[in-house]
Amino acid sequence: MNALAKLAVVGGLLAVSAPNFAQKATPEQMGPYANRGDMGMFHMQTKLGSFKMINGEGRVDFSFKGTLLVSHHTDGEMRVVSGNLRKEYSKNNRTVYTGQARVILTGKWRGIQWFGSDLTAVKYGKGFVRVSGEFDRNMQTGFYWYEDPAAKNPFPASSVISLAIPPPEYGANRNIKPTPRKGGAAGGN
């Protein structure tokens, strides 16, 4: 077998196996929300930027430097795993924290909003997220992706993008069986 044929075989095998490298949620990442079909994975990573998670439910594990606002958080807990987070304000179901920490938040919320630097986040849940990035000294804005790290998208710079979690699936539902209809004429006879 010549070198070109070997290269073609290896390339074909890599192309076929590429979907298997998608990052499925681990049991730890899913927490109490394991095996819920209405939830999905979402990852974010940026050196400088902001996000707001709106009307969400699930488990969010993120480390950051900056300011964090948690609004109308119910049915779960917020746990500081490491770092130093200081409560700055708490009133009307809104709490503001500042500092550098790794936080795990579970439950439901009206909003989780962050701005600052050095964000790494993994969410297993549902809801919406708005992301915005700023250019760092390497001219990078950060990245977000769902399950497949090969499908990373850049944070928008100088604008905001809203994303659904889990991502919408457009097109035909392949699980639905067609319903046979009587007749065959256009009139339905």
C-alpha atoms as a PDB file:
ATOM      1  CA  MET A   1       0.000   0.000   0.000  1.00  0.00           C
ATOM      2  CA  ASN A   2       1.503   3.334  -0.979  1.00  0.00           C
ATOM      3  CA  ALA A   3       1.778   6.312   1.353  1.00  0.00           C
ATOM      4  CA  LEU A   4      -1.137   8.193  -0.214  1.00  0.00           C
ATOM      5  CA  ALA A   5      -3.491   5.236   0.271  1.00  0.00           C
ATOM      6  CA  LYS A   6      -2.393   4.858   3.913  1.00  0.00           C
ATOM      7  CA  LEU A   7      -3.004   8.556   4.477  1.00  0.00           C
ATOM      8  CA  ALA A   8      -6.488   8.257   2.963  1.00  0.00           C
ATOM      9  CA  VAL A   9      -7.354   5.298   5.214  1.00  0.00           C
ATOM     10  CA  VAL A  10      -6.121   7.084   8.357  1.00  0.00           C
ATOM     11  CA  GLY A  11      -7.955  10.274   7.360  1.00  0.00           C
ATOM     12  CA  GLY A  12     -11.169   8.327   6.820  1.00  0.00           C
ATOM     13  CA  LEU A  13     -10.889   6.633  10.197  1.00  0.00           C
ATOM     14  CA  LEU A  14     -10.305   9.973  11.920  1.00  0.00           C
ATOM     15  CA  ALA A  15     -13.295  11.532  10.163  1.00  0.00           C
ATOM     16  CA  VAL A  16     -15.560   8.657  11.204  1.00  0.00           C
ATOM     17  CA  SER A  17     -14.386   8.722  14.827  1.00  0.00           C
ATOM     18  CA  ALA A  18     -14.449  12.535  15.261  1.00  0.00           C
ATOM     19  CA  PRO A  19     -18.010  12.670  16.679  1.00  0.00           C
ATOM     20  CA  ASN A  20     -16.931  10.295  19.455  1.00  0.00           C
ATOM     21  CA  PHE A  21     -14.633  12.968  20.889  1.00  0.00           C
ATOM     22  CA  ALA A  22     -17.538  15.241  21.879  1.00  0.00           C
ATOM     23  CA  GLN A  23     -17.549  16.033  25.581  1.00  0.00           C
ATOM     24  CA  LYS A  24     -20.528  14.277  27.082  1.00  0.00           C
ATOM     25  CA  ALA A  25     -21.567  15.401  30.532  1.00  0.00           C
ATOM     26  CA  THR A  26     -20.030  13.442  33.377  1.00  0.00           C
ATOM     27  CA  PRO A  27     -22.237  12.356  36.307  1.00  0.00           C
ATOM     28  CA  GLU A  28     -20.520  15.017  38.427  1.00  0.00           C
ATOM     29  CA  GLN A  29     -21.343  17.733  35.878  1.00  0.00           C
ATOM     30  CA  MET A  30     -24.982  16.647  35.667  1.00  0.00           C
ATOM     31  CA  GLY A  31     -25.441  16.430  39.429  1.00  0.00           C
ATOM     32  CA  PRO A  32     -29.081  15.919  40.414  1.00  0.00           C
ATOM     33  CA  TYR A  33     -30.194  16.673  36.840  1.00  0.00           C
ATOM     34  CA  ALA A  34     -28.824  13.457  35.305  1.00  0.00           C
ATOM     35  CA  ASN A  35     -30.770  11.866  32.471  1.00  0.00           C
ATOM     36  CA  ARG A  36     -33.053  14.837  31.844  1.00  0.00           C
ATOM     37  CA  GLY A  37     -33.677  15.057  28.130  1.00  0.00           C
ATOM     38  CA  ASP A  38     -34.501  18.764  28.213  1.00  0.00           C
ATOM     39  CA  MET A  39     -30.984  19.795  29.327  1.00  0.00           C
ATOM     40  CA  GLY A  40     -27.640  20.082  27.609  1.00  0.00           C
ATOM     41  CA  MET A  41     -23.943  20.948  28.037  1.00  0.00           C
ATOM     42  CA  PHE A  42     -22.479  24.406  27.502  1.00  0.00           C
ATOM     43  CA  HIS A  43     -18.867  25.557  27.965  1.00  0.00           C
ATOM     44  CA  MET A  44     -17.342  29.057  28.119  1.00  0.00           C
ATOM     45  CA  GLN A  45     -13.767  30.232  28.391  1.00  0.00           C
ATOM     46  CA  THR A  46     -12.484  33.817  28.194  1.00  0.00           C
ATOM     47  CA  LYS A  47      -9.744  36.020  29.577  1.00  0.00           C
ATOM     48  CA  LEU A  48     -11.937  39.144  29.589  1.00  0.00           C
ATOM     49  CA  GLY A  49     -15.694  39.348  29.113  1.00  0.00           C
ATOM     50  CA  SER A  50     -19.164  38.898  30.546  1.00  0.00           C
ATOM     51  CA  PHE A  51     -22.194  36.631  30.467  1.00  0.00           C
ATOM     52  CA  LYS A  52     -25.749  36.559  31.727  1.00  0.00           C
ATOM     53  CA  MET A  53     -27.669  33.301  32.154  1.00  0.00           C
ATOM     54  CA  ILE A  54     -31.399  33.971  32.002  1.00  0.00           C
ATOM     55  CA  ASN A  55     -34.290  31.846  33.299  1.00  0.00           C
ATOM     56  CA  GLY A  56     -32.048  28.873  33.855  1.00  0.00           C
ATOM     57  CA  GLU A  57     -32.104  25.580  35.654  1.00  0.00           C
ATOM     58  CA  GLY A  58     -29.329  23.070  36.202  1.00  0.00           C
ATOM     59  CA  ARG A  59     -25.769  22.999  37.479  1.00  0.00           C
ATOM     60  CA  VAL A  60     -23.115  25.619  36.695  1.00  0.00           C
ATOM     61  CA  ASP A  61     -19.467  25.100  37.667  1.00  0.00           C
ATOM     62  CA  PHE A  62     -17.284  28.123  36.981  1.00  0.00           C
ATOM     63  CA  SER A  63     -14.086  29.774  38.122  1.00  0.00           C
ATOM     64  CA  PHE A  64     -13.486  33.487  37.633  1.00  0.00           C
ATOM     65  CA  LYS A  65     -12.132  36.806  38.820  1.00  0.00           C
ATOM     66  CA  GLY A  66     -14.624  39.636  38.956  1.00  0.00           C
ATOM     67  CA  THR A  67     -18.182  40.426  39.955  1.00  0.00           C
ATOM     68  CA  LEU A  68     -21.066  37.966  40.137  1.00  0.00           C
ATOM     69  CA  LEU A  69     -24.788  38.765  40.494  1.00  0.00           C
ATOM     70  CA  VAL A  70     -27.178  35.928  41.369  1.00  0.00           C
ATOM     71  CA  SER A  71     -30.861  36.811  41.040  1.00  0.00           C
ATOM     72  CA  HIS A  72     -33.901  34.863  42.297  1.00  0.00           C
ATOM     73  CA  HIS A  73     -32.006  31.635  43.002  1.00  0.00           C
ATOM     74  CA  THR A  74     -34.268  28.811  44.261  1.00  0.00           C
ATOM     75  CA  ASP A  75     -34.361  25.023  44.660  1.00  0.00           C
ATOM     76  CA  GLY A  76     -30.623  24.549  45.028  1.00  0.00           C
ATOM     77  CA  GLU A  77     -27.427  25.885  46.520  1.00  0.00           C
ATOM     78  CA  MET A  78     -24.428  28.031  45.725  1.00  0.00           C
ATOM     79  CA  ARG A  79     -21.176  26.534  46.964  1.00  0.00           C
ATOM     80  CA  VAL A  80     -17.775  28.242  46.876  1.00  0.00           C
ATOM     81  CA  VAL A  81     -15.360  25.383  46.181  1.00  0.00           C
ATOM     82  CA  SER A  82     -12.160  27.429  46.351  1.00  0.00           C
ATOM     83  CA  GLY A  83     -10.994  31.020  46.405  1.00  0.00           C
ATOM     84  CA  ASN A  84     -12.242  34.095  48.165  1.00  0.00           C
ATOM     85  CA  LEU A  85     -15.669  35.532  47.375  1.00  0.00           C
ATOM     86  CA  ARG A  86     -17.022  38.495  49.303  1.00  0.00           C
ATOM     87  CA  LYS A  87     -20.734  39.347  49.496  1.00  0.00           C
ATOM     88  CA  GLU A  88     -21.131  43.022  48.581  1.00  0.00           C
ATOM     89  CA  TYR A  89     -24.920  43.395  48.440  1.00  0.00           C
ATOM     90  CA  SER A  90     -27.994  41.303  49.191  1.00  0.00           C
ATOM     91  CA  LYS A  91     -31.522  42.628  48.801  1.00  0.00           C
ATOM     92  CA  ASN A  92     -34.726  41.795  46.870  1.00  0.00           C
ATOM     93  CA  ASN A  93     -33.579  38.261  45.934  1.00  0.00           C
ATOM     94  CA  ARG A  94     -30.393  39.629  44.374  1.00  0.00           C
ATOM     95  CA  THR A  95     -26.914  39.023  45.741  1.00  0.00           C
ATOM     96  CA  VAL A  96     -23.681  40.533  44.437  1.00  0.00           C
ATOM     97  CA  TYR A  97     -20.277  38.963  45.069  1.00  0.00           C
ATOM     98  CA  THR A  98     -16.754  40.061  44.139  1.00  0.00           C
ATOM     99  CA  GLY A  99     -13.480  38.211  44.201  1.00  0.00           C
ATOM    100  CA  GLN A 100     -11.741  35.233  42.693  1.00  0.00           C
ATOM    101  CA  ALA A 101     -13.295  31.798  43.202  1.00  0.00           C
ATOM    102  CA  ARG A 102     -14.592  28.541  41.838  1.00  0.00           C
ATOM    103  CA  VAL A 103     -18.346  28.316  42.391  1.00  0.00           C
ATOM    104  CA  ILE A 104     -20.855  25.512  41.845  1.00  0.00           C
ATOM    105  CA  LEU A 105     -24.441  26.680  41.620  1.00  0.00           C
ATOM    106  CA  THR A 106     -27.423  24.311  41.327  1.00  0.00           C
ATOM    107  CA  GLY A 107     -31.137  24.971  41.126  1.00  0.00           C
ATOM    108  CA  LYS A 108     -33.252  27.512  39.272  1.00  0.00           C
ATOM    109  CA  TRP A 109     -32.518  31.186  38.754  1.00  0.00           C
ATOM    110  CA  ARG A 110     -33.858  34.276  37.056  1.00  0.00           C
ATOM    111  CA  GLY A 111     -30.340  35.465  36.315  1.00  0.00           C
ATOM    112  CA  ILE A 112     -26.658  34.764  36.872  1.00  0.00           C
ATOM    113  CA  GLN A 113     -24.544  37.629  35.616  1.00  0.00           C
ATOM    114  CA  TRP A 114     -20.759  37.881  35.599  1.00  0.00           C
ATOM    115  CA  PHE A 115     -18.153  40.288  34.313  1.00  0.00           C
ATOM    116  CA  GLY A 116     -14.438  40.139  34.864  1.00  0.00           C
ATOM    117  CA  SER A 117     -11.507  38.003  33.786  1.00  0.00           C
ATOM    118  CA  ASP A 118     -10.195  34.433  33.635  1.00  0.00           C
ATOM    119  CA  LEU A 119     -13.535  32.641  33.239  1.00  0.00           C
ATOM    120  CA  THR A 120     -13.836  28.903  32.745  1.00  0.00           C
ATOM    121  CA  ALA A 121     -17.423  27.618  32.952  1.00  0.00           C
ATOM    122  CA  VAL A 122     -19.338  24.394  32.382  1.00  0.00           C
ATOM    123  CA  LYS A 123     -23.116  24.327  32.540  1.00  0.00           C
ATOM    124  CA  TYR A 124     -25.407  21.319  32.391  1.00  0.00           C
ATOM    125  CA  GLY A 125     -28.935  22.605  32.239  1.00  0.00           C
ATOM    126  CA  LYS A 126     -31.370  24.674  30.262  1.00  0.00           C
ATOM    127  CA  GLY A 127     -32.130  28.332  29.707  1.00  0.00           C
ATOM    128  CA  PHE A 128     -30.508  31.137  27.781  1.00  0.00           C
ATOM    129  CA  VAL A 129     -27.101  32.763  28.002  1.00  0.00           C
ATOM    130  CA  ARG A 130     -25.881  36.066  26.591  1.00  0.00           C
ATOM    131  CA  VAL A 131     -22.126  36.311  26.055  1.00  0.00           C
ATOM    132  CA  SER A 132     -19.841  39.195  25.203  1.00  0.00           C
ATOM    133  CA  GLY A 133     -16.066  39.241  25.017  1.00  0.00           C
ATOM    134  CA  GLU A 134     -13.358  41.851  24.971  1.00  0.00           C
ATOM    135  CA  PHE A 135     -10.040  41.483  23.237  1.00  0.00           C
ATOM    136  CA  ASP A 136      -7.220  40.430  25.547  1.00  0.00           C
ATOM    137  CA  ARG A 137      -3.561  41.254  24.885  1.00  0.00           C
ATOM    138  CA  ASN A 138      -3.372  38.275  22.488  1.00  0.00           C
ATOM    139  CA  MET A 139      -6.350  39.612  20.497  1.00  0.00           C
ATOM    140  CA  GLN A 140      -8.597  36.749  21.656  1.00  0.00           C
ATOM    141  CA  THR A 141     -12.160  37.239  22.916  1.00  0.00           C
ATOM    142  CA  GLY A 142     -12.757  33.783  24.345  1.00  0.00           C
ATOM    143  CA  PHE A 143     -14.767  30.797  23.181  1.00  0.00           C
ATOM    144  CA  TYR A 144     -18.041  29.004  23.832  1.00  0.00           C
ATOM    145  CA  TRP A 145     -19.174  25.578  22.678  1.00  0.00           C
ATOM    146  CA  TYR A 146     -21.822  23.007  23.425  1.00  0.00           C
ATOM    147  CA  GLU A 147     -20.623  19.388  23.601  1.00  0.00           C
ATOM    148  CA  ASP A 148     -17.954  19.266  20.913  1.00  0.00           C
ATOM    149  CA  PRO A 149     -14.766  21.232  21.737  1.00  0.00           C
ATOM    150  CA  ALA A 150     -13.824  21.070  18.052  1.00  0.00           C
ATOM    151  CA  ALA A 151     -16.871  23.265  17.342  1.00  0.00           C
ATOM    152  CA  LYS A 152     -15.725  26.262  19.411  1.00  0.00           C
ATOM    153  CA  ASN A 153     -17.187  29.656  18.551  1.00  0.00           C
ATOM    154  CA  PRO A 154     -15.548  32.968  19.489  1.00  0.00           C
ATOM    155  CA  PHE A 155     -17.170  35.318  21.970  1.00  0.00           C
ATOM    156  CA  PRO A 156     -18.451  38.338  20.046  1.00  0.00           C
ATOM    157  CA  ALA A 157     -16.453  41.525  20.590  1.00  0.00           C
ATOM    158  CA  SER A 158     -18.319  44.811  21.080  1.00  0.00           C
ATOM    159  CA  SER A 159     -21.688  43.063  20.843  1.00  0.00           C
ATOM    160  CA  VAL A 160     -23.812  40.467  22.615  1.00  0.00           C
ATOM    161  CA  ILE A 161     -25.106  37.130  21.343  1.00  0.00           C
ATOM    162  CA  SER A 162     -27.982  35.173  22.917  1.00  0.00           C
ATOM    163  CA  LEU A 163     -27.746  31.377  22.920  1.00  0.00           C
ATOM    164  CA  ALA A 164     -30.256  28.699  23.902  1.00  0.00           C
ATOM    165  CA  ILE A 165     -29.192  25.783  26.103  1.00  0.00           C
ATOM    166  CA  PRO A 166     -29.629  23.103  24.880  1.00  0.00           C
ATOM    167  CA  PRO A 167     -29.187  24.334  21.307  1.00  0.00           C
ATOM    168  CA  PRO A 168     -32.305  24.270  19.139  1.00  0.00           C
ATOM    169  CA  GLU A 169     -32.531  21.414  16.672  1.00  0.00           C
ATOM    170  CA  TYR A 170     -34.045  22.585  13.428  1.00  0.00           C
ATOM    171  CA  GLY A 171     -35.433  20.267  10.800  1.00  0.00           C
ATOM    172  CA  ALA A 172     -37.503  17.144  10.834  1.00  0.00           C
ATOM    173  CA  ASN A 173     -37.924  15.083  13.975  1.00  0.00           C
ATOM    174  CA  ARG A 174     -36.536  11.707  12.961  1.00  0.00           C
ATOM    175  CA  ASN A 175     -38.308   9.962  15.860  1.00  0.00           C
ATOM    176  CA  ILE A 176     -41.790  10.652  14.483  1.00  0.00           C
ATOM    177  CA  LYS A 177     -43.368   7.974  12.296  1.00  0.00           C
ATOM    178  CA  PRO A 178     -45.392   9.269   9.324  1.00  0.00           C
ATOM    179  CA  THR A 179     -49.148   8.822   9.540  1.00  0.00           C
ATOM    180  CA  PRO A 180     -50.562   6.988   6.512  1.00  0.00           C
ATOM    181  CA  ARG A 181     -53.484   8.783   4.907  1.00  0.00           C
ATOM    182  CA  LYS A 182     -56.384   7.277   3.022  1.00  0.00           C
ATOM    183  CA  GLY A 183     -56.860   7.991  -0.623  1.00  0.00           C
ATOM    184  CA  GLY A 184     -54.230   9.030  -3.047  1.00  0.00           C
ATOM    185  CA  ALA A 185     -55.700  11.861  -5.016  1.00  0.00           C
ATOM    186  CA  ALA A 186     -54.897  15.467  -4.297  1.00  0.00           C
ATOM    187  CA  GLY A 187     -58.474  15.943  -3.162  1.00  0.00           C
ATOM    188  CA  GLY A 188     -58.077  13.376  -0.371  1.00  0.00           C
ATOM    189  CA  ASN A 189     -60.730  10.972  -1.694  1.00  0.00           C
END
